[in-house]
Amino acid sequence: VQVAIAAAAASPWQPRFFALSYGTLRYWHNEEERRQGKHPAAEIALQGYEVLIDAEDPFWGFELRPTVDESRRVWYFRAKSEEDRIEWARCLAAQTFVDGSVSRRRSQRTVVIE
C-alpha cells in the first residue's frame, strides 16, 4: 500500500510520501524521491506499535506509539481530513500485527490517499 500524506493547511508540518508494505512504513520527502529509487528517509517496523487517535484534535492528528519497547520512537502524523485519518488508522493498525518476514509472493496493491 502506498500512501501520500499532506500536512494540514497553515501548519508547520511538511508533506511526505509514505509506502506501507508487509508491516513496514517507509517515508520519503516526496513521491519523486521514491520514483527515483532513493532510499527512504525512515523505515518503521510497525509490529509492537499501536495507533492512537485524539478524536478532539481539529487537525486530524494521530500517532504510532510503541507498546513493548519504550525506547522506540513515537511517531506523530497529520491527515488532510477526518476520512483520511480513519483510513490511515485502519491501514496502520492492521499492519502492526504483520511480521515483516512474511512471504511476499502476492502482488502489491497500491492505494493513494491525497
N, C-alpha and C. Protein backbone atom coordinates (compact mmCIF):
# COMPACT_ATOMS: atom_id res chain seq x y z
N VAL A 1 0.86 -1.16 0.00
CA VAL A 1 0.00 0.00 0.00
C VAL A 1 0.90 1.22 0.00
N GLN A 2 0.68 2.12 -0.90
CA GLN A 2 1.45 3.36 -0.96
C GLN A 2 0.51 4.51 -0.69
N VAL A 3 0.94 5.41 0.17
CA VAL A 3 0.04 6.47 0.61
C VAL A 3 0.79 7.80 0.61
N ALA A 4 0.17 8.81 0.08
CA ALA A 4 0.72 10.16 0.18
C ALA A 4 -0.04 10.88 1.29
N ILE A 5 0.68 11.49 2.19
CA ILE A 5 0.03 12.24 3.27
C ILE A 5 0.43 13.71 3.13
N ALA A 6 -0.49 14.58 3.36
CA ALA A 6 -0.21 16.00 3.23
C ALA A 6 -0.32 16.67 4.59
N ALA A 7 0.41 17.72 4.76
CA ALA A 7 0.34 18.49 6.00
C ALA A 7 -0.94 19.32 6.01
N ALA A 8 -1.43 19.59 7.20
CA ALA A 8 -2.61 20.43 7.33
C ALA A 8 -2.28 21.85 6.85
N ALA A 9 -3.25 22.51 6.27
CA ALA A 9 -3.04 23.88 5.80
C ALA A 9 -2.62 24.78 6.96
N ALA A 10 -1.77 25.75 6.67
CA ALA A 10 -1.29 26.73 7.66
C ALA A 10 -0.67 26.02 8.86
N SER A 11 0.14 25.03 8.59
CA SER A 11 0.75 24.24 9.63
C SER A 11 2.25 24.12 9.38
N PRO A 12 3.05 23.92 10.44
CA PRO A 12 4.49 23.71 10.22
C PRO A 12 4.81 22.29 9.74
N TRP A 13 3.82 21.42 9.65
CA TRP A 13 4.03 20.05 9.21
C TRP A 13 4.35 20.02 7.72
N GLN A 14 5.27 19.16 7.33
CA GLN A 14 5.67 19.03 5.94
C GLN A 14 5.02 17.80 5.31
N PRO A 15 4.55 17.92 4.07
CA PRO A 15 4.00 16.74 3.39
C PRO A 15 5.11 15.71 3.16
N ARG A 16 4.78 14.45 3.24
CA ARG A 16 5.71 13.35 2.99
C ARG A 16 5.01 12.27 2.18
N PHE A 17 5.77 11.43 1.51
CA PHE A 17 5.22 10.32 0.77
C PHE A 17 5.53 9.04 1.53
N PHE A 18 4.48 8.25 1.82
CA PHE A 18 4.63 7.03 2.60
C PHE A 18 4.26 5.81 1.78
N ALA A 19 4.97 4.71 2.03
CA ALA A 19 4.63 3.40 1.46
C ALA A 19 4.49 2.43 2.63
N LEU A 20 3.36 1.76 2.69
CA LEU A 20 3.06 0.80 3.75
C LEU A 20 3.02 -0.58 3.13
N SER A 21 3.91 -1.45 3.59
CA SER A 21 4.01 -2.77 2.98
C SER A 21 4.59 -3.78 3.96
N TYR A 22 3.89 -4.92 4.11
CA TYR A 22 4.39 -6.04 4.90
C TYR A 22 4.86 -5.63 6.29
N GLY A 23 4.09 -4.82 6.98
CA GLY A 23 4.40 -4.45 8.35
C GLY A 23 5.45 -3.37 8.51
N THR A 24 5.80 -2.71 7.42
CA THR A 24 6.80 -1.64 7.47
C THR A 24 6.25 -0.38 6.81
N LEU A 25 6.41 0.74 7.48
CA LEU A 25 6.04 2.04 6.93
C LEU A 25 7.33 2.76 6.55
N ARG A 26 7.43 3.14 5.30
CA ARG A 26 8.61 3.87 4.81
C ARG A 26 8.17 5.26 4.37
N TYR A 27 9.07 6.24 4.54
CA TYR A 27 8.70 7.55 4.00
C TYR A 27 9.87 8.23 3.31
N TRP A 28 9.50 9.01 2.32
CA TRP A 28 10.42 9.84 1.56
C TRP A 28 9.94 11.28 1.68
N HIS A 29 10.78 12.22 1.36
CA HIS A 29 10.37 13.62 1.44
C HIS A 29 9.30 13.96 0.41
N ASN A 30 9.31 13.24 -0.72
CA ASN A 30 8.27 13.42 -1.74
C ASN A 30 8.21 12.18 -2.63
N GLU A 31 7.18 12.09 -3.44
CA GLU A 31 6.98 10.92 -4.29
C GLU A 31 8.08 10.80 -5.33
N GLU A 32 8.61 11.91 -5.80
CA GLU A 32 9.67 11.88 -6.80
C GLU A 32 10.90 11.15 -6.29
N GLU A 33 11.28 11.36 -5.02
CA GLU A 33 12.42 10.65 -4.44
C GLU A 33 12.21 9.14 -4.51
N ARG A 34 10.99 8.72 -4.20
CA ARG A 34 10.69 7.30 -4.24
C ARG A 34 10.78 6.75 -5.66
N ARG A 35 10.23 7.51 -6.61
CA ARG A 35 10.27 7.08 -8.02
C ARG A 35 11.70 6.99 -8.54
N GLN A 36 12.57 7.85 -8.03
CA GLN A 36 13.98 7.84 -8.46
C GLN A 36 14.77 6.72 -7.80
N GLY A 37 14.13 5.96 -6.92
CA GLY A 37 14.79 4.84 -6.28
C GLY A 37 15.66 5.22 -5.10
N LYS A 38 15.48 6.42 -4.57
CA LYS A 38 16.26 6.84 -3.41
C LYS A 38 15.83 6.04 -2.19
N HIS A 39 16.76 5.89 -1.26
CA HIS A 39 16.43 5.21 -0.01
C HIS A 39 15.44 6.06 0.78
N PRO A 40 14.53 5.42 1.49
CA PRO A 40 13.58 6.20 2.30
C PRO A 40 14.30 6.97 3.41
N ALA A 41 13.71 8.07 3.81
CA ALA A 41 14.24 8.86 4.92
C ALA A 41 14.13 8.09 6.23
N ALA A 42 13.11 7.21 6.33
CA ALA A 42 12.94 6.38 7.52
C ALA A 42 12.15 5.13 7.16
N GLU A 43 12.40 4.07 7.92
CA GLU A 43 11.63 2.83 7.83
C GLU A 43 11.19 2.48 9.24
N ILE A 44 9.90 2.24 9.40
CA ILE A 44 9.34 1.95 10.72
C ILE A 44 8.74 0.54 10.68
N ALA A 45 9.33 -0.37 11.44
CA ALA A 45 8.75 -1.71 11.60
C ALA A 45 7.56 -1.55 12.55
N LEU A 46 6.36 -1.81 12.07
CA LEU A 46 5.14 -1.48 12.83
C LEU A 46 4.77 -2.48 13.91
N GLN A 47 5.32 -3.68 13.86
CA GLN A 47 4.99 -4.66 14.89
C GLN A 47 5.45 -4.11 16.24
N GLY A 48 4.55 -4.14 17.22
CA GLY A 48 4.87 -3.60 18.54
C GLY A 48 4.48 -2.14 18.70
N TYR A 49 3.75 -1.60 17.73
CA TYR A 49 3.22 -0.23 17.83
C TYR A 49 1.70 -0.30 17.94
N GLU A 50 1.11 0.75 18.48
CA GLU A 50 -0.33 0.92 18.44
C GLU A 50 -0.63 2.26 17.82
N VAL A 51 -1.81 2.38 17.21
CA VAL A 51 -2.24 3.62 16.57
C VAL A 51 -3.20 4.32 17.52
N LEU A 52 -2.90 5.56 17.85
CA LEU A 52 -3.75 6.34 18.76
C LEU A 52 -4.30 7.55 18.04
N ILE A 53 -5.58 7.82 18.25
CA ILE A 53 -6.26 8.97 17.65
C ILE A 53 -6.90 9.78 18.76
N ASP A 54 -6.69 11.09 18.71
CA ASP A 54 -7.38 12.00 19.62
C ASP A 54 -8.58 12.56 18.85
N ALA A 55 -9.76 12.09 19.17
CA ALA A 55 -10.98 12.49 18.45
C ALA A 55 -11.25 13.99 18.54
N GLU A 56 -10.67 14.65 19.53
CA GLU A 56 -10.87 16.09 19.70
C GLU A 56 -9.87 16.94 18.91
N ASP A 57 -8.89 16.30 18.29
CA ASP A 57 -7.87 17.04 17.54
C ASP A 57 -8.48 17.63 16.27
N PRO A 58 -8.54 18.96 16.15
CA PRO A 58 -9.17 19.58 14.98
C PRO A 58 -8.31 19.49 13.71
N PHE A 59 -7.06 19.01 13.84
CA PHE A 59 -6.16 18.92 12.68
C PHE A 59 -5.94 17.47 12.26
N TRP A 60 -6.79 16.55 12.72
CA TRP A 60 -6.80 15.16 12.29
C TRP A 60 -5.46 14.46 12.55
N GLY A 61 -4.92 14.68 13.73
CA GLY A 61 -3.66 14.05 14.11
C GLY A 61 -3.86 12.63 14.61
N PHE A 62 -2.81 11.86 14.52
CA PHE A 62 -2.77 10.51 15.09
C PHE A 62 -1.31 10.16 15.33
N GLU A 63 -1.07 9.10 16.08
CA GLU A 63 0.31 8.75 16.38
C GLU A 63 0.50 7.24 16.41
N LEU A 64 1.76 6.86 16.23
CA LEU A 64 2.20 5.48 16.43
C LEU A 64 3.00 5.48 17.71
N ARG A 65 2.57 4.68 18.67
CA ARG A 65 3.23 4.63 19.98
C ARG A 65 3.66 3.19 20.25
N PRO A 66 4.93 2.99 20.69
CA PRO A 66 5.39 1.63 20.97
C PRO A 66 4.63 1.01 22.15
N THR A 67 4.34 -0.27 22.04
CA THR A 67 3.63 -0.97 23.11
C THR A 67 4.55 -1.85 23.94
N VAL A 68 5.70 -2.19 23.40
CA VAL A 68 6.58 -3.12 24.09
C VAL A 68 7.89 -2.44 24.49
N ASP A 69 8.61 -1.93 23.54
CA ASP A 69 9.93 -1.33 23.78
C ASP A 69 9.78 0.18 23.86
N GLU A 70 9.76 0.70 25.08
CA GLU A 70 9.54 2.14 25.29
C GLU A 70 10.67 3.01 24.74
N SER A 71 11.79 2.40 24.36
CA SER A 71 12.89 3.19 23.80
C SER A 71 12.66 3.51 22.32
N ARG A 72 11.65 2.85 21.71
CA ARG A 72 11.34 3.13 20.31
C ARG A 72 10.67 4.50 20.20
N ARG A 73 10.84 5.13 19.08
CA ARG A 73 10.33 6.48 18.84
C ARG A 73 8.80 6.49 18.74
N VAL A 74 8.19 7.56 19.23
CA VAL A 74 6.77 7.84 18.99
C VAL A 74 6.71 8.68 17.72
N TRP A 75 5.84 8.28 16.79
CA TRP A 75 5.70 8.97 15.51
C TRP A 75 4.37 9.72 15.50
N TYR A 76 4.40 10.99 15.08
CA TYR A 76 3.20 11.83 15.01
C TYR A 76 2.88 12.16 13.56
N PHE A 77 1.60 12.14 13.23
CA PHE A 77 1.15 12.37 11.86
C PHE A 77 -0.05 13.31 11.86
N ARG A 78 -0.29 13.93 10.70
CA ARG A 78 -1.49 14.71 10.43
C ARG A 78 -2.05 14.26 9.09
N ALA A 79 -3.36 14.17 9.02
CA ALA A 79 -4.02 13.82 7.77
C ALA A 79 -4.70 15.07 7.22
N LYS A 80 -5.17 14.98 5.98
CA LYS A 80 -5.84 16.13 5.36
C LYS A 80 -7.31 16.24 5.75
N SER A 81 -7.87 15.14 6.25
CA SER A 81 -9.29 15.15 6.60
C SER A 81 -9.56 14.04 7.61
N GLU A 82 -10.75 14.07 8.19
CA GLU A 82 -11.13 13.00 9.11
C GLU A 82 -11.21 11.66 8.38
N GLU A 83 -11.69 11.65 7.15
CA GLU A 83 -11.77 10.42 6.38
C GLU A 83 -10.39 9.83 6.14
N ASP A 84 -9.42 10.68 5.79
CA ASP A 84 -8.05 10.21 5.59
C ASP A 84 -7.46 9.67 6.89
N ARG A 85 -7.73 10.36 7.99
CA ARG A 85 -7.21 9.90 9.28
C ARG A 85 -7.75 8.52 9.62
N ILE A 86 -9.02 8.28 9.39
CA ILE A 86 -9.63 6.98 9.67
C ILE A 86 -9.00 5.91 8.78
N GLU A 87 -8.79 6.23 7.51
CA GLU A 87 -8.17 5.27 6.59
C GLU A 87 -6.74 4.95 7.00
N TRP A 88 -5.99 5.98 7.36
CA TRP A 88 -4.63 5.78 7.85
C TRP A 88 -4.65 4.87 9.08
N ALA A 89 -5.47 5.19 10.04
CA ALA A 89 -5.52 4.41 11.29
C ALA A 89 -5.88 2.96 11.00
N ARG A 90 -6.83 2.74 10.12
CA ARG A 90 -7.25 1.37 9.77
C ARG A 90 -6.09 0.60 9.14
N CYS A 91 -5.44 1.20 8.16
CA CYS A 91 -4.34 0.53 7.47
C CYS A 91 -3.15 0.29 8.40
N LEU A 92 -2.79 1.29 9.18
CA LEU A 92 -1.65 1.14 10.09
C LEU A 92 -1.93 0.11 11.18
N ALA A 93 -3.12 0.16 11.76
CA ALA A 93 -3.46 -0.79 12.83
C ALA A 93 -3.39 -2.22 12.30
N ALA A 94 -3.87 -2.46 11.10
CA ALA A 94 -3.81 -3.81 10.52
C ALA A 94 -2.36 -4.26 10.35
N GLN A 95 -1.48 -3.34 10.01
CA GLN A 95 -0.08 -3.69 9.76
C GLN A 95 0.74 -3.87 11.03
N THR A 96 0.25 -3.42 12.17
CA THR A 96 1.01 -3.59 13.42
C THR A 96 1.07 -5.05 13.83
N PHE A 97 0.23 -5.89 13.23
CA PHE A 97 0.22 -7.32 13.53
C PHE A 97 0.98 -8.14 12.50
N VAL A 98 1.54 -7.49 11.49
CA VAL A 98 2.22 -8.19 10.41
C VAL A 98 3.70 -8.26 10.71
N ASP A 99 4.25 -9.45 10.62
CA ASP A 99 5.69 -9.65 10.76
C ASP A 99 6.31 -9.36 9.40
N GLY A 100 7.28 -8.48 9.33
CA GLY A 100 7.90 -8.10 8.06
C GLY A 100 8.57 -9.23 7.32
N SER A 101 8.72 -10.39 7.96
CA SER A 101 9.39 -11.51 7.31
C SER A 101 8.41 -12.43 6.59
N VAL A 102 7.12 -12.07 6.54
CA VAL A 102 6.14 -12.93 5.88
C VAL A 102 6.41 -13.01 4.39
N SER A 103 5.87 -14.03 3.76
CA SER A 103 6.08 -14.25 2.34
C SER A 103 5.61 -13.04 1.53
N ARG A 104 6.35 -12.71 0.50
CA ARG A 104 6.00 -11.56 -0.34
C ARG A 104 5.61 -12.01 -1.75
N ARG A 105 5.00 -13.16 -1.86
CA ARG A 105 4.65 -13.69 -3.17
C ARG A 105 3.46 -12.99 -3.79
N ARG A 106 2.57 -12.47 -2.98
CA ARG A 106 1.38 -11.81 -3.54
C ARG A 106 1.74 -10.50 -4.20
N SER A 107 0.97 -10.11 -5.19
CA SER A 107 1.23 -8.84 -5.85
C SER A 107 0.88 -7.69 -4.90
N GLN A 108 1.57 -6.58 -5.04
CA GLN A 108 1.36 -5.45 -4.16
C GLN A 108 0.21 -4.58 -4.66
N ARG A 109 -0.70 -4.23 -3.76
CA ARG A 109 -1.82 -3.35 -4.09
C ARG A 109 -1.41 -1.92 -3.75
N THR A 110 -1.78 -0.97 -4.56
CA THR A 110 -1.41 0.42 -4.33
C THR A 110 -2.65 1.25 -4.03
N VAL A 111 -2.56 2.03 -2.96
CA VAL A 111 -3.64 2.95 -2.60
C VAL A 111 -3.01 4.30 -2.34
N VAL A 112 -3.54 5.34 -2.93
CA VAL A 112 -3.03 6.69 -2.69
C VAL A 112 -4.12 7.50 -2.05
N ILE A 113 -3.81 8.08 -0.91
CA ILE A 113 -4.75 8.96 -0.20
C ILE A 113 -4.17 10.36 -0.30
N GLU A 114 -4.89 11.24 -0.93
CA GLU A 114 -4.40 12.61 -1.08
C GLU A 114 -5.26 13.58 -0.35
